[in-house]
Protein backbone atom coordinates (compact mmCIF):
# COMPACT_ATOMS: atom_id res chain seq x y z
CA UNK A 1 -6.93 46.14 5.44
CA UNK A 2 -5.65 43.27 7.61
CA UNK A 3 -5.34 45.62 10.58
CA UNK A 4 -8.92 46.76 10.00
CA UNK A 5 -10.13 43.16 10.01
CA UNK A 6 -8.19 42.38 13.20
CA UNK A 7 -9.61 45.50 14.86
CA UNK A 8 -13.14 44.57 13.81
CA UNK A 9 -12.72 41.00 15.06
CA UNK A 10 -11.35 42.34 18.35
CA UNK A 11 -14.35 44.63 18.71
CA UNK A 12 -16.69 41.68 18.13
CA UNK A 13 -14.97 39.65 20.85
CA UNK A 14 -15.12 42.64 23.22
CA UNK A 15 -18.86 43.17 22.61
CA UNK A 16 -19.62 39.45 23.03
CA UNK A 17 -17.60 39.31 26.27
CA UNK A 18 -19.42 42.36 27.68
CA UNK A 19 -22.79 40.88 26.65
CA UNK A 20 -21.98 37.64 28.55
CA UNK A 21 -20.80 39.62 31.59
CA UNK A 22 -24.00 41.70 31.62
CA UNK A 23 -26.10 38.53 31.38
CA UNK A 24 -24.26 37.09 34.40
CA UNK A 25 -25.09 40.08 36.64
CA UNK A 26 -28.64 40.85 37.68
CA UNK A 27 -30.83 43.73 38.69
CA UNK A 28 -34.06 43.79 40.67
CA UNK A 29 -37.24 44.75 38.86
CA UNK A 30 -40.16 45.73 41.06
CA UNK A 31 -43.70 45.14 39.79
CA UNK A 32 -45.76 48.18 38.86
CA UNK A 33 -48.30 47.22 41.56
CA UNK A 34 -45.37 47.15 44.05
CA UNK A 35 -46.45 43.69 45.30
CA UNK A 36 -43.63 41.57 43.87
CA UNK A 37 -40.15 41.67 42.38
CA UNK A 38 -37.79 39.53 40.35
CA UNK A 39 -34.07 39.47 39.54
CA UNK A 40 -33.35 39.66 35.80
CA UNK A 41 -30.11 39.82 33.80
CA UNK A 42 -28.74 43.37 33.91
CA UNK A 43 -28.72 43.56 30.11
CA UNK A 44 -32.53 43.19 30.03
CA UNK A 45 -34.48 46.44 29.76
CA UNK A 46 -37.97 47.45 30.79
CA UNK A 47 -40.73 47.36 28.18
CA UNK A 48 -44.18 48.86 28.23
CA UNK A 49 -46.09 47.04 25.51
CA UNK A 50 -45.46 43.29 25.82
CA UNK A 51 -48.76 42.62 27.64
CA UNK A 52 -51.29 45.13 28.92
CA UNK A 53 -52.02 43.02 32.04
CA UNK A 54 -48.37 42.52 33.05
CA UNK A 55 -46.95 44.09 36.20
CA UNK A 56 -43.38 43.30 35.03
CA UNK A 57 -42.30 43.52 31.37
CA UNK A 58 -38.61 43.07 30.59
CA UNK A 59 -36.38 41.57 27.95
CA UNK A 60 -33.38 41.64 25.70
CA UNK A 61 -34.56 42.73 22.24
CA UNK A 62 -31.21 41.88 20.67
CA UNK A 63 -31.68 38.22 21.63
CA UNK A 64 -35.50 38.22 21.29
CA UNK A 65 -35.92 36.97 24.87
CA UNK A 66 -38.60 38.39 27.14
CA UNK A 67 -40.28 37.92 30.52
CA UNK A 68 -43.58 39.16 31.89
CA UNK A 69 -45.34 38.73 35.24
CA UNK A 70 -49.12 38.83 35.52
CA UNK A 71 -50.61 38.89 39.03
CA UNK A 72 -54.28 38.38 39.86
CA UNK A 73 -55.75 38.72 43.36
CA UNK A 74 -57.01 35.48 44.87
CA UNK A 75 -60.03 37.45 46.10
CA UNK A 76 -61.24 37.43 42.48
CA UNK A 77 -61.51 33.60 42.51
CA UNK A 78 -63.60 31.17 44.53
CA UNK A 79 -61.85 30.14 47.79
CA UNK A 80 -61.17 26.57 46.63
CA UNK A 81 -59.46 27.69 43.38
CA UNK A 82 -56.04 26.05 42.97
CA UNK A 83 -52.88 27.04 41.11
CA UNK A 84 -53.46 24.06 38.79
CA UNK A 85 -56.91 25.39 37.84
CA UNK A 86 -55.41 28.85 37.41
CA UNK A 87 -52.81 27.39 35.02
CA UNK A 88 -55.52 25.56 33.06
CA UNK A 89 -57.56 28.75 32.76
CA UNK A 90 -54.59 30.83 31.57
CA UNK A 91 -53.41 28.20 29.07
CA UNK A 92 -56.93 27.82 27.66
CA UNK A 93 -57.10 31.60 27.19
CA UNK A 94 -53.73 31.53 25.46
CA UNK A 95 -55.02 28.91 23.02
CA UNK A 96 -58.31 30.63 22.28
CA UNK A 97 -57.73 34.36 22.70
CA UNK A 98 -54.01 34.81 22.19
CA UNK A 99 -51.85 35.82 19.26
CA UNK A 100 -49.91 32.53 19.20
CA UNK A 101 -50.78 29.98 16.49
CA UNK A 102 -50.22 26.22 16.44
CA UNK A 103 -49.83 26.05 20.22
CA UNK A 104 -48.43 22.85 21.72
CA UNK A 105 -48.57 22.63 25.51
CA UNK A 106 -45.98 20.40 27.15
CA UNK A 107 -46.31 18.38 30.32
CA UNK A 108 -46.83 20.09 33.65
CA UNK A 109 -44.12 20.10 36.31
CA UNK A 110 -44.76 20.81 40.00
CA UNK A 111 -42.14 22.93 41.76
CA UNK A 112 -41.54 25.56 44.42
CA UNK A 113 -40.68 29.18 43.78
CA UNK A 114 -39.27 30.26 47.10
CA UNK A 115 -41.67 28.84 49.69
CA UNK A 116 -44.67 28.92 47.33
CA UNK A 117 -46.19 26.02 45.39
CA UNK A 118 -46.03 26.40 41.62
CA UNK A 119 -46.50 24.56 38.35
CA UNK A 120 -44.71 25.06 35.04
CA UNK A 121 -45.71 24.25 31.47
CA UNK A 122 -43.51 24.57 28.43
CA UNK A 123 -45.37 25.84 25.38
CA UNK A 124 -44.40 26.12 21.73
CA UNK A 125 -46.11 28.07 18.99
CA UNK A 126 -45.83 30.55 16.15
CA UNK A 127 -45.89 34.29 16.85
CA UNK A 128 -46.26 36.15 13.54
CA UNK A 129 -43.74 34.07 11.56
CA UNK A 130 -41.34 33.23 14.42
CA UNK A 131 -41.25 29.79 16.06
CA UNK A 132 -41.20 30.53 19.80
CA UNK A 133 -40.81 28.50 23.01
CA UNK A 134 -42.20 29.54 26.38
CA UNK A 135 -41.77 28.48 29.97
CA UNK A 136 -44.86 29.56 31.89
CA UNK A 137 -44.72 29.26 35.66
CA UNK A 138 -47.88 29.67 37.72
CA UNK A 139 -47.30 30.52 41.39
CA UNK A 140 -49.74 30.11 44.27
CA UNK A 141 -48.89 33.35 46.06
CA UNK A 142 -50.04 34.46 49.47
CA UNK A 143 -52.67 36.90 48.18
CA UNK A 144 -52.38 36.51 44.39
CA UNK A 145 -51.88 33.97 41.66
CA UNK A 146 -48.84 34.88 39.58
CA UNK A 147 -48.01 33.89 36.03
CA UNK A 148 -44.41 34.30 34.88
CA UNK A 149 -43.92 33.84 31.17
CA UNK A 150 -40.45 33.68 29.62
CA UNK A 151 -40.04 33.25 25.87
CA UNK A 152 -37.45 33.24 23.12
CA UNK A 153 -37.03 31.85 19.61
CA UNK A 154 -37.14 28.06 19.72
CA UNK A 155 -33.52 27.75 18.51
CA UNK A 156 -32.29 29.87 21.45
CA UNK A 157 -34.68 28.69 24.17
CA UNK A 158 -33.21 25.23 24.87
CA UNK A 159 -29.69 26.50 25.46
CA UNK A 160 -30.94 29.23 27.84
CA UNK A 161 -33.72 27.30 29.58
CA UNK A 162 -31.86 26.74 32.86
CA UNK A 163 -30.99 30.45 33.04
CA UNK A 164 -34.64 31.34 32.50
CA UNK A 165 -35.66 28.91 35.26
CA UNK A 166 -33.07 30.46 37.60
CA UNK A 167 -34.50 33.90 36.86
CA UNK A 168 -38.04 32.75 37.63
CA UNK A 169 -36.73 31.24 40.87
CA UNK A 170 -35.83 34.72 42.12
CA UNK A 171 -39.46 35.91 42.05
CA UNK A 172 -40.77 37.01 45.44
CA UNK A 173 -43.82 38.72 46.80
CA UNK A 174 -43.30 41.93 48.73
């Protein structure tokens, strides 16, 4: 019985070590419209039903962490439309038309993703019964506005936030 316990504990350590190693390596995911790509942890898999508008849908179901990219052509907006206005529009839609309840939108941060101007908002809310945190980055692309949404359970999000930000930082238009 003791040997069985030791073997089981050893298997748990082995699985955890391999999970960490897979999270440290990345793979490139190309958008379904073939206009952008992003590097994600190699233990994240493709999904097809996270968001019907997304051109990238990936995640790690075991850890309940996911990422989507939504791209919208700038030609669909007035010429003076800014990434800040795009962020406001998307966040308003999330509050009024989304499936997230009790939404709290955090302060906006300006940043660069590659050479492109971007803004990021952190958002918290309830999805079904799960308390979830999001980092939503809006990028002023060359020909499109891009929205990259990363989310995980609130208890996990804080400890992984810098990794999520690093992942978003690998986004590039093609």
